[in-house]
Amino acid sequence: MMMMMMTDDDDDDDDDDDDDDDDDDDDDDDDDDDDDDDDDDDDDDDDDDDNDDDDDNDEMMIMLMMMIMLTLITMMLMKITIL
């Protein structure tokens, strides 16, 4: 079966092989594009993470300010009660 005579059908098979090669090349290009897209998505995710960190920092600052205010109010109340 390996040793077939060359006929018109064989020529068609060769053409099909060429088409397959072209398809493979296209697939490779698509893969490259997909990889680039993934990298871009990763960058976007990093930006989102940065924003999440900023939100966390804001929340921490608010909590700190609230603690300071509570402490000051408590100190003022204690001073008033002592007087």
PDB file of N, CA and C in Angstrom:
ATOM      1  N   MET A   1       0.819  -1.176   0.000  1.00  0.00           N
ATOM      2  CA  MET A   1       0.000   0.000   0.000  1.00  0.00           C
ATOM      3  C   MET A   1       0.876   1.257   0.000  1.00  0.00           C
ATOM      4  N   MET A   2       2.021   1.125   0.521  1.00  0.00           N
ATOM      5  CA  MET A   2       2.921   2.259   0.530  1.00  0.00           C
ATOM      6  C   MET A   2       3.417   2.598  -0.871  1.00  0.00           C
ATOM      7  N   MET A   3       3.614   1.594  -1.656  1.00  0.00           N
ATOM      8  CA  MET A   3       4.169   1.801  -2.990  1.00  0.00           C
ATOM      9  C   MET A   3       3.030   1.837  -4.001  1.00  0.00           C
ATOM     10  N   MET A   4       2.477   2.969  -4.199  1.00  0.00           N
ATOM     11  CA  MET A   4       1.410   3.117  -5.179  1.00  0.00           C
ATOM     12  C   MET A   4       1.970   3.794  -6.410  1.00  0.00           C
ATOM     13  N   MET A   5       1.323   3.507  -7.482  1.00  0.00           N
ATOM     14  CA  MET A   5       1.753   4.162  -8.717  1.00  0.00           C
ATOM     15  C   MET A   5       1.215   5.588  -8.718  1.00  0.00           C
ATOM     16  N   MET A   6       1.978   6.432  -9.327  1.00  0.00           N
ATOM     17  CA  MET A   6       1.577   7.830  -9.370  1.00  0.00           C
ATOM     18  C   MET A   6       0.448   7.998 -10.387  1.00  0.00           C
ATOM     19  N   THR A   7      -0.661   8.497  -9.932  1.00  0.00           N
ATOM     20  CA  THR A   7      -1.799   8.741 -10.808  1.00  0.00           C
ATOM     21  C   THR A   7      -2.299  10.141 -10.519  1.00  0.00           C
ATOM     22  N   ASP A   8      -3.372  10.499 -11.152  1.00  0.00           N
ATOM     23  CA  ASP A   8      -3.967  11.806 -10.897  1.00  0.00           C
ATOM     24  C   ASP A   8      -4.465  11.905  -9.464  1.00  0.00           C
ATOM     25  N   ASP A   9      -4.939  10.794  -8.945  1.00  0.00           N
ATOM     26  CA  ASP A   9      -5.393  10.775  -7.551  1.00  0.00           C
ATOM     27  C   ASP A   9      -4.245  11.109  -6.612  1.00  0.00           C
ATOM     28  N   ASP A  10      -3.066  10.592  -6.931  1.00  0.00           N
ATOM     29  CA  ASP A  10      -1.913  10.869  -6.090  1.00  0.00           C
ATOM     30  C   ASP A  10      -1.584  12.361  -6.113  1.00  0.00           C
ATOM     31  N   ASP A  11      -1.739  12.972  -7.265  1.00  0.00           N
ATOM     32  CA  ASP A  11      -1.489  14.409  -7.355  1.00  0.00           C
ATOM     33  C   ASP A  11      -2.461  15.171  -6.460  1.00  0.00           C
ATOM     34  N   ASP A  12      -3.694  14.726  -6.457  1.00  0.00           N
ATOM     35  CA  ASP A  12      -4.691  15.364  -5.609  1.00  0.00           C
ATOM     36  C   ASP A  12      -4.310  15.225  -4.137  1.00  0.00           C
ATOM     37  N   ASP A  13      -3.780  14.065  -3.802  1.00  0.00           N
ATOM     38  CA  ASP A  13      -3.364  13.867  -2.407  1.00  0.00           C
ATOM     39  C   ASP A  13      -2.258  14.843  -2.047  1.00  0.00           C
ATOM     40  N   ASP A  14      -1.361  15.061  -2.983  1.00  0.00           N
ATOM     41  CA  ASP A  14      -0.291  16.006  -2.712  1.00  0.00           C
ATOM     42  C   ASP A  14      -0.856  17.413  -2.478  1.00  0.00           C
ATOM     43  N   ASP A  15      -1.831  17.749  -3.281  1.00  0.00           N
ATOM     44  CA  ASP A  15      -2.462  19.058  -3.105  1.00  0.00           C
ATOM     45  C   ASP A  15      -3.126  19.147  -1.728  1.00  0.00           C
ATOM     46  N   ASP A  16      -3.746  18.076  -1.327  1.00  0.00           N
ATOM     47  CA  ASP A  16      -4.383  18.051  -0.015  1.00  0.00           C
ATOM     48  C   ASP A  16      -3.348  18.241   1.081  1.00  0.00           C
ATOM     49  N   ASP A  17      -2.197  17.627   0.883  1.00  0.00           N
ATOM     50  CA  ASP A  17      -1.139  17.776   1.879  1.00  0.00           C
ATOM     51  C   ASP A  17      -0.711  19.238   1.982  1.00  0.00           C
ATOM     52  N   ASP A  18      -0.622  19.878   0.832  1.00  0.00           N
ATOM     53  CA  ASP A  18      -0.249  21.293   0.843  1.00  0.00           C
ATOM     54  C   ASP A  18      -1.298  22.117   1.590  1.00  0.00           C
ATOM     55  N   ASP A  19      -2.539  21.786   1.334  1.00  0.00           N
ATOM     56  CA  ASP A  19      -3.619  22.493   2.030  1.00  0.00           C
ATOM     57  C   ASP A  19      -3.520  22.277   3.525  1.00  0.00           C
ATOM     58  N   ASP A  20      -3.193  21.069   3.918  1.00  0.00           N
ATOM     59  CA  ASP A  20      -3.058  20.773   5.339  1.00  0.00           C
ATOM     60  C   ASP A  20      -1.935  21.603   5.951  1.00  0.00           C
ATOM     61  N   ASP A  21      -0.852  21.734   5.184  1.00  0.00           N
ATOM     62  CA  ASP A  21       0.261  22.529   5.684  1.00  0.00           C
ATOM     63  C   ASP A  21      -0.173  23.980   5.889  1.00  0.00           C
ATOM     64  N   ASP A  22      -0.936  24.472   4.932  1.00  0.00           N
ATOM     65  CA  ASP A  22      -1.422  25.843   5.052  1.00  0.00           C
ATOM     66  C   ASP A  22      -2.318  25.991   6.279  1.00  0.00           C
ATOM     67  N   ASP A  23      -3.145  25.003   6.480  1.00  0.00           N
ATOM     68  CA  ASP A  23      -4.029  25.038   7.642  1.00  0.00           C
ATOM     69  C   ASP A  23      -3.216  25.051   8.932  1.00  0.00           C
ATOM     70  N   ASP A  24      -2.154  24.253   8.942  1.00  0.00           N
ATOM     71  CA  ASP A  24      -1.317  24.216  10.134  1.00  0.00           C
ATOM     72  C   ASP A  24      -0.698  25.581  10.398  1.00  0.00           C
ATOM     73  N   ASP A  25      -0.262  26.228   9.313  1.00  0.00           N
ATOM     74  CA  ASP A  25       0.328  27.550   9.475  1.00  0.00           C
ATOM     75  C   ASP A  25      -0.695  28.523  10.042  1.00  0.00           C
ATOM     76  N   ASP A  26      -1.907  28.431   9.512  1.00  0.00           N
ATOM     77  CA  ASP A  26      -2.958  29.309  10.011  1.00  0.00           C
ATOM     78  C   ASP A  26      -3.239  29.036  11.480  1.00  0.00           C
ATOM     79  N   ASP A  27      -3.238  27.787  11.836  1.00  0.00           N
ATOM     80  CA  ASP A  27      -3.480  27.430  13.230  1.00  0.00           C
ATOM     81  C   ASP A  27      -2.388  27.997  14.123  1.00  0.00           C
ATOM     82  N   ASP A  28      -1.161  27.935  13.636  1.00  0.00           N
ATOM     83  CA  ASP A  28      -0.057  28.479  14.425  1.00  0.00           C
ATOM     84  C   ASP A  28      -0.247  29.979  14.640  1.00  0.00           C
ATOM     85  N   ASP A  29      -0.669  30.656  13.573  1.00  0.00           N
ATOM     86  CA  ASP A  29      -0.898  32.088  13.695  1.00  0.00           C
ATOM     87  C   ASP A  29      -2.007  32.374  14.702  1.00  0.00           C
ATOM     88  N   ASP A  30      -3.044  31.567  14.628  1.00  0.00           N
ATOM     89  CA  ASP A  30      -4.153  31.740  15.566  1.00  0.00           C
ATOM     90  C   ASP A  30      -3.680  31.527  16.996  1.00  0.00           C
ATOM     91  N   ASP A  31      -2.839  30.535  17.175  1.00  0.00           N
ATOM     92  CA  ASP A  31      -2.329  30.267  18.523  1.00  0.00           C
ATOM     93  C   ASP A  31      -1.529  31.452  19.042  1.00  0.00           C
ATOM     94  N   ASP A  32      -0.734  32.041  18.152  1.00  0.00           N
ATOM     95  CA  ASP A  32       0.054  33.190  18.563  1.00  0.00           C
ATOM     96  C   ASP A  32      -0.859  34.340  18.971  1.00  0.00           C
ATOM     97  N   ASP A  33      -1.907  34.531  18.179  1.00  0.00           N
ATOM     98  CA  ASP A  33      -2.845  35.605  18.507  1.00  0.00           C
ATOM     99  C   ASP A  33      -3.511  35.341  19.847  1.00  0.00           C
ATOM    100  N   ASP A  34      -3.873  34.102  20.073  1.00  0.00           N
ATOM    101  CA  ASP A  34      -4.515  33.748  21.336  1.00  0.00           C
ATOM    102  C   ASP A  34      -3.579  34.018  22.508  1.00  0.00           C
ATOM    103  N   ASP A  35      -2.300  33.694  22.305  1.00  0.00           N
ATOM    104  CA  ASP A  35      -1.342  33.927  23.379  1.00  0.00           C
ATOM    105  C   ASP A  35      -1.241  35.413  23.691  1.00  0.00           C
ATOM    106  N   ASP A  36      -1.230  36.213  22.634  1.00  0.00           N
ATOM    107  CA  ASP A  36      -1.153  37.662  22.839  1.00  0.00           C
ATOM    108  C   ASP A  36      -2.377  38.159  23.603  1.00  0.00           C
ATOM    109  N   ASP A  37      -3.520  37.630  23.217  1.00  0.00           N
ATOM    110  CA  ASP A  37      -4.749  38.030  23.902  1.00  0.00           C
ATOM    111  C   ASP A  37      -4.695  37.640  25.366  1.00  0.00           C
ATOM    112  N   ASP A  38      -4.169  36.458  25.636  1.00  0.00           N
ATOM    113  CA  ASP A  38      -4.068  36.006  27.017  1.00  0.00           C
ATOM    114  C   ASP A  38      -3.161  36.929  27.817  1.00  0.00           C
ATOM    115  N   ASP A  39      -2.062  37.353  27.178  1.00  0.00           N
ATOM    116  CA  ASP A  39      -1.152  38.253  27.875  1.00  0.00           C
ATOM    117  C   ASP A  39      -1.849  39.569  28.200  1.00  0.00           C
ATOM    118  N   ASP A  40      -2.615  40.053  27.239  1.00  0.00           N
ATOM    119  CA  ASP A  40      -3.341  41.298  27.472  1.00  0.00           C
ATOM    120  C   ASP A  40      -4.342  41.123  28.615  1.00  0.00           C
ATOM    121  N   ASP A  41      -5.011  39.978  28.625  1.00  0.00           N
ATOM    122  CA  ASP A  41      -5.969  39.714  29.692  1.00  0.00           C
ATOM    123  C   ASP A  41      -5.268  39.678  31.039  1.00  0.00           C
ATOM    124  N   ASP A  42      -4.074  39.087  31.051  1.00  0.00           N
ATOM    125  CA  ASP A  42      -3.331  39.018  32.309  1.00  0.00           C
ATOM    126  C   ASP A  42      -2.984  40.424  32.793  1.00  0.00           C
ATOM    127  N   ASP A  43      -2.609  41.280  31.854  1.00  0.00           N
ATOM    128  CA  ASP A  43      -2.289  42.654  32.238  1.00  0.00           C
ATOM    129  C   ASP A  43      -3.516  43.340  32.827  1.00  0.00           C
ATOM    130  N   ASP A  44      -4.654  43.104  32.200  1.00  0.00           N
ATOM    131  CA  ASP A  44      -5.888  43.700  32.705  1.00  0.00           C
ATOM    132  C   ASP A  44      -6.185  43.189  34.107  1.00  0.00           C
ATOM    133  N   ASP A  45      -5.946  41.898  34.304  1.00  0.00           N
ATOM    134  CA  ASP A  45      -6.185  41.316  35.620  1.00  0.00           C
ATOM    135  C   ASP A  45      -5.272  41.961  36.663  1.00  0.00           C
ATOM    136  N   ASP A  46      -4.030  42.223  36.255  1.00  0.00           N
ATOM    137  CA  ASP A  46      -3.100  42.859  37.187  1.00  0.00           C
ATOM    138  C   ASP A  46      -3.610  44.241  37.574  1.00  0.00           C
ATOM    139  N   ASP A  47      -4.135  44.956  36.595  1.00  0.00           N
ATOM    140  CA  ASP A  47      -4.667  46.287  36.883  1.00  0.00           C
ATOM    141  C   ASP A  47      -5.834  46.187  37.855  1.00  0.00           C
ATOM    142  N   ASP A  48      -6.678  45.203  37.645  1.00  0.00           N
ATOM    143  CA  ASP A  48      -7.808  45.004  38.537  1.00  0.00           C
ATOM    144  C   ASP A  48      -7.322  44.692  39.948  1.00  0.00           C
ATOM    145  N   ASP A  49      -6.261  43.894  40.031  1.00  0.00           N
ATOM    146  CA  ASP A  49      -5.708  43.567  41.346  1.00  0.00           C
ATOM    147  C   ASP A  49      -5.195  44.827  42.030  1.00  0.00           C
ATOM    148  N   ASP A  50      -4.567  45.702  41.242  1.00  0.00           N
ATOM    149  CA  ASP A  50      -4.071  46.955  41.805  1.00  0.00           C
ATOM    150  C   ASP A  50      -5.222  47.782  42.350  1.00  0.00           C
ATOM    151  N   ASN A  51      -6.308  47.812  41.633  1.00  0.00           N
ATOM    152  CA  ASN A  51      -7.472  48.568  42.086  1.00  0.00           C
ATOM    153  C   ASN A  51      -8.044  47.964  43.364  1.00  0.00           C
ATOM    154  N   ASP A  52      -8.040  46.641  43.426  1.00  0.00           N
ATOM    155  CA  ASP A  52      -8.515  45.965  44.631  1.00  0.00           C
ATOM    156  C   ASP A  52      -7.628  46.327  45.815  1.00  0.00           C
ATOM    157  N   ASP A  53      -6.335  46.406  45.563  1.00  0.00           N
ATOM    158  CA  ASP A  53      -5.408  46.787  46.629  1.00  0.00           C
ATOM    159  C   ASP A  53      -5.687  48.208  47.097  1.00  0.00           C
ATOM    160  N   ASP A  54      -5.966  49.088  46.153  1.00  0.00           N
ATOM    161  CA  ASP A  54      -6.286  50.473  46.506  1.00  0.00           C
ATOM    162  C   ASP A  54      -7.549  50.531  47.349  1.00  0.00           C
ATOM    163  N   ASP A  55      -8.539  49.732  46.978  1.00  0.00           N
ATOM    164  CA  ASP A  55      -9.787  49.691  47.745  1.00  0.00           C
ATOM    165  C   ASP A  55      -9.524  49.170  49.152  1.00  0.00           C
ATOM    166  N   ASP A  56      -8.680  48.153  49.244  1.00  0.00           N
ATOM    167  CA  ASP A  56      -8.339  47.609  50.557  1.00  0.00           C
ATOM    168  C   ASP A  56      -7.614  48.666  51.399  1.00  0.00           C
ATOM    169  N   ASN A  57      -6.735  49.409  50.754  1.00  0.00           N
ATOM    170  CA  ASN A  57      -6.005  50.456  51.472  1.00  0.00           C
ATOM    171  C   ASN A  57      -6.955  51.550  51.950  1.00  0.00           C
ATOM    172  N   ASP A  58      -7.903  51.878  51.101  1.00  0.00           N
ATOM    173  CA  ASP A  58      -8.890  52.894  51.488  1.00  0.00           C
ATOM    174  C   ASP A  58      -9.699  52.422  52.695  1.00  0.00           C
ATOM    175  N   GLU A  59     -10.099  51.180  52.666  1.00  0.00           N
ATOM    176  CA  GLU A  59     -10.865  50.629  53.788  1.00  0.00           C
ATOM    177  C   GLU A  59     -10.039  50.631  55.073  1.00  0.00           C
ATOM    178  N   MET A  60      -8.772  50.313  54.935  1.00  0.00           N
ATOM    179  CA  MET A  60      -7.899  50.312  56.105  1.00  0.00           C
ATOM    180  C   MET A  60      -7.730  51.726  56.661  1.00  0.00           C
ATOM    181  N   MET A  61      -7.607  52.682  55.787  1.00  0.00           N
ATOM    182  CA  MET A  61      -7.480  54.072  56.239  1.00  0.00           C
ATOM    183  C   MET A  61      -8.749  54.524  56.954  1.00  0.00           C
ATOM    184  N   ILE A  62      -9.891  54.160  56.417  1.00  0.00           N
ATOM    185  CA  ILE A  62     -11.161  54.521  57.052  1.00  0.00           C
ATOM    186  C   ILE A  62     -11.253  53.882  58.439  1.00  0.00           C
ATOM    187  N   MET A  63     -10.872  52.643  58.527  1.00  0.00           N
ATOM    188  CA  MET A  63     -10.910  51.958  59.830  1.00  0.00           C
ATOM    189  C   MET A  63      -9.963  52.624  60.827  1.00  0.00           C
ATOM    190  N   LEU A  64      -8.801  52.992  60.360  1.00  0.00           N
ATOM    191  CA  LEU A  64      -7.832  53.654  61.227  1.00  0.00           C
ATOM    192  C   LEU A  64      -8.372  55.001  61.724  1.00  0.00           C
ATOM    193  N   MET A  65      -8.945  55.757  60.823  1.00  0.00           N
ATOM    194  CA  MET A  65      -9.516  57.047  61.216  1.00  0.00           C
ATOM    195  C   MET A  65     -10.656  56.868  62.218  1.00  0.00           C
ATOM    196  N   MET A  66     -11.461  55.864  62.011  1.00  0.00           N
ATOM    197  CA  MET A  66     -12.559  55.601  62.948  1.00  0.00           C
ATOM    198  C   MET A  66     -12.022  55.232  64.328  1.00  0.00           C
ATOM    199  N   MET A  67     -10.975  54.449  64.347  1.00  0.00           N
ATOM    200  CA  MET A  67     -10.377  54.066  65.632  1.00  0.00           C
ATOM    201  C   MET A  67      -9.809  55.292  66.351  1.00  0.00           C
ATOM    202  N   ILE A  68      -9.153  56.144  65.596  1.00  0.00           N
ATOM    203  CA  ILE A  68      -8.592  57.360  66.198  1.00  0.00           C
ATOM    204  C   ILE A  68      -9.711  58.251  66.737  1.00  0.00           C
ATOM    205  N   MET A  69     -10.777  58.399  65.945  1.00  0.00           N
ATOM    206  CA  MET A  69     -11.908  59.227  66.399  1.00  0.00           C
ATOM    207  C   MET A  69     -12.538  58.641  67.659  1.00  0.00           C
ATOM    208  N   LEU A  70     -12.716  57.352  67.677  1.00  0.00           N
ATOM    209  CA  LEU A  70     -13.292  56.714  68.866  1.00  0.00           C
ATOM    210  C   LEU A  70     -12.407  56.912  70.092  1.00  0.00           C
ATOM    211  N   THR A  71     -11.120  56.809  69.859  1.00  0.00           N
ATOM    212  CA  THR A  71     -10.186  57.004  70.965  1.00  0.00           C
ATOM    213  C   THR A  71     -10.264  58.443  71.492  1.00  0.00           C
ATOM    214  N   LEU A  72     -10.298  59.393  70.583  1.00  0.00           N
ATOM    215  CA  LEU A  72     -10.384  60.796  70.993  1.00  0.00           C
ATOM    216  C   LEU A  72     -11.697  61.094  71.722  1.00  0.00           C
ATOM    217  N   ILE A  73     -12.769  60.563  71.201  1.00  0.00           N
ATOM    218  CA  ILE A  73     -14.070  60.781  71.851  1.00  0.00           C
ATOM    219  C   ILE A  73     -14.078  60.157  73.240  1.00  0.00           C
ATOM    220  N   THR A  74     -13.520  58.968  73.321  1.00  0.00           N
ATOM    221  CA  THR A  74     -13.466  58.300  74.631  1.00  0.00           C
ATOM    222  C   THR A  74     -12.622  59.107  75.609  1.00  0.00           C
ATOM    223  N   MET A  75     -11.492  59.598  75.139  1.00  0.00           N
ATOM    224  CA  MET A  75     -10.645  60.402  76.015  1.00  0.00           C
ATOM    225  C   MET A  75     -11.368  61.670  76.467  1.00  0.00           C
ATOM    226  N   MET A  76     -12.092  62.299  75.558  1.00  0.00           N
ATOM    227  CA  MET A  76     -12.830  63.517  75.936  1.00  0.00           C
ATOM    228  C   MET A  76     -13.917  63.187  76.956  1.00  0.00           C
ATOM    229  N   LEU A  77     -14.607  62.112  76.753  1.00  0.00           N
ATOM    230  CA  LEU A  77     -15.656  61.715  77.698  1.00  0.00           C
ATOM    231  C   LEU A  77     -15.072  61.397  79.079  1.00  0.00           C
ATOM    232  N   MET A  78     -13.943  60.756  79.069  1.00  0.00           N
ATOM    233  CA  MET A  78     -13.302  60.435  80.357  1.00  0.00           C
ATOM    234  C   MET A  78     -12.887  61.717  81.068  1.00  0.00           C
ATOM    235  N   LYS A  79     -12.366  62.649  80.307  1.00  0.00           N
ATOM    236  CA  LYS A  79     -11.938  63.911  80.904  1.00  0.00           C
ATOM    237  C   LYS A  79     -13.145  64.646  81.484  1.00  0.00           C
ATOM    238  N   ILE A  80     -14.240  64.644  80.772  1.00  0.00           N
ATOM    239  CA  ILE A  80     -15.451  65.315  81.258  1.00  0.00           C
ATOM    240  C   ILE A  80     -15.948  64.646  82.535  1.00  0.00           C
ATOM    241  N   THR A  81     -15.933  63.341  82.558  1.00  0.00           N
ATOM    242  CA  THR A  81     -16.440  62.652  83.755  1.00  0.00           C
ATOM    243  C   THR A  81     -15.528  62.855  84.955  1.00  0.00           C
ATOM    244  N   ILE A  82     -14.254  62.999  84.677  1.00  0.00           N
ATOM    245  CA  ILE A  82     -13.317  63.214  85.780  1.00  0.00           C
ATOM    246  C   ILE A  82     -13.523  64.607  86.367  1.00  0.00           C
ATOM    247  N   LEU A  83     -13.782  65.571  85.532  1.00  0.00           N
ATOM    248  CA  LEU A  83     -13.968  66.934  86.016  1.00  0.00           C
ATOM    249  C   LEU A  83     -15.260  67.000  86.748  1.00  0.00           C
TER     250      LEU A  83
END
